[in-house]
Amino acid sequence: MPTLRQINRRIKSIQSTAKTTRAMSLVAGSKMRKAQLLALSHRPYADQLSNLLADVVHSLEAAAEVEGDLHPLLARRENRNPLVIVLTSDRGQVGGMNTNLIRVAGNYVVQHPTSQIIAVGRKGFDFYRRAGATIMGQFIRLGDYPGFDDVRPISLLAAQAFISGEVDSVNIVYPRFINTVVQRPELQELLPAIPPADDDDKSDEYIFEPDAQTVLEDLLPRYVEIQVYRAILELAASEQSARMVAMRNATDAAQEMVENLTLVRNKVRQEQITKELLDITGGVEAMNN
């Protein structure tokens, strides 16, 4: 059994760790509110942009104005050389979020051994570098609240690789923010850009200026950029939420360990007191005899 001094040292060490994890939880909680607001406020724009893209594509297909592919980003090819954009955090202490993201991306890479990787975040980059994967690009230190200009190079790299024929598809793996406790890893096909299915009951008609083809040429690159930016915002919100929950759980676990060690300390102290009393009693009896 450990001595009383050793137990006291362990209690002090765990209490110090609990203070650190409690502070990290509070910091993550303050950052989480802003990150969640950015992610949730961006969703309607990204969804409406997808619907607008569907309207333009369906208008062109119905008018049969263009022969062949409407745009290089819509070109469908045999998926021989896919590209996967894997979003992870730069730092750890986020529970199982990074592990789940890497697992989802890894399952896709196993099914497509020729896949190339764009690693966003240090954790994903370190994993795929050790795994020997083909890394097309890496983007780290985007910050807690990345701006659109910070994320735009990622979408430009992926779009250029797709247009040039270097890759046949572009997929993105990111954590979709559900709530503070749940962040669900998702695999989304980014390119070729597939507009959402049109509603059969939809009867709206649009007039495009100068024409639908010109609108499509301007809209598609922006669509790719917005989808990547949306995923980055979802990552930021999920990271802060996961870190706050993980640090809170660590603090609770540390407090439970302190309580258990306190019981052990009290037991050891009582044993020492009992032993000292027995020694004193024994000494008195020996002197009386």
Foldseek 3Di string as FASTA:
>chain_A
DDALVVLVVVLVVLVVLLVVLVVLLVVLVVLLVVLVVVLVVLVVVLLVLLVVLVQLVVVCVVVVPDPDDLDLQQDADPQQEEEEEQEDAQDDLLPCFNVQSVVVVVVVCVVHVNYEYEYEYNVVVVVCVVVVGHYPYYHYDCDLDHDLVSQLVVLVVVVVCSSVPVGRWYKYWAFACDDLVHTHIDIGTLTSPDRDDDDPPDDDDDDDVPHSSVVSVVSSSVSSSSVRVSRVSRRSSSRSSSNSVSSVVSSVVSVVVSVVSVVVSVVSVVVVVVVVVVVVVVVVVVVVD
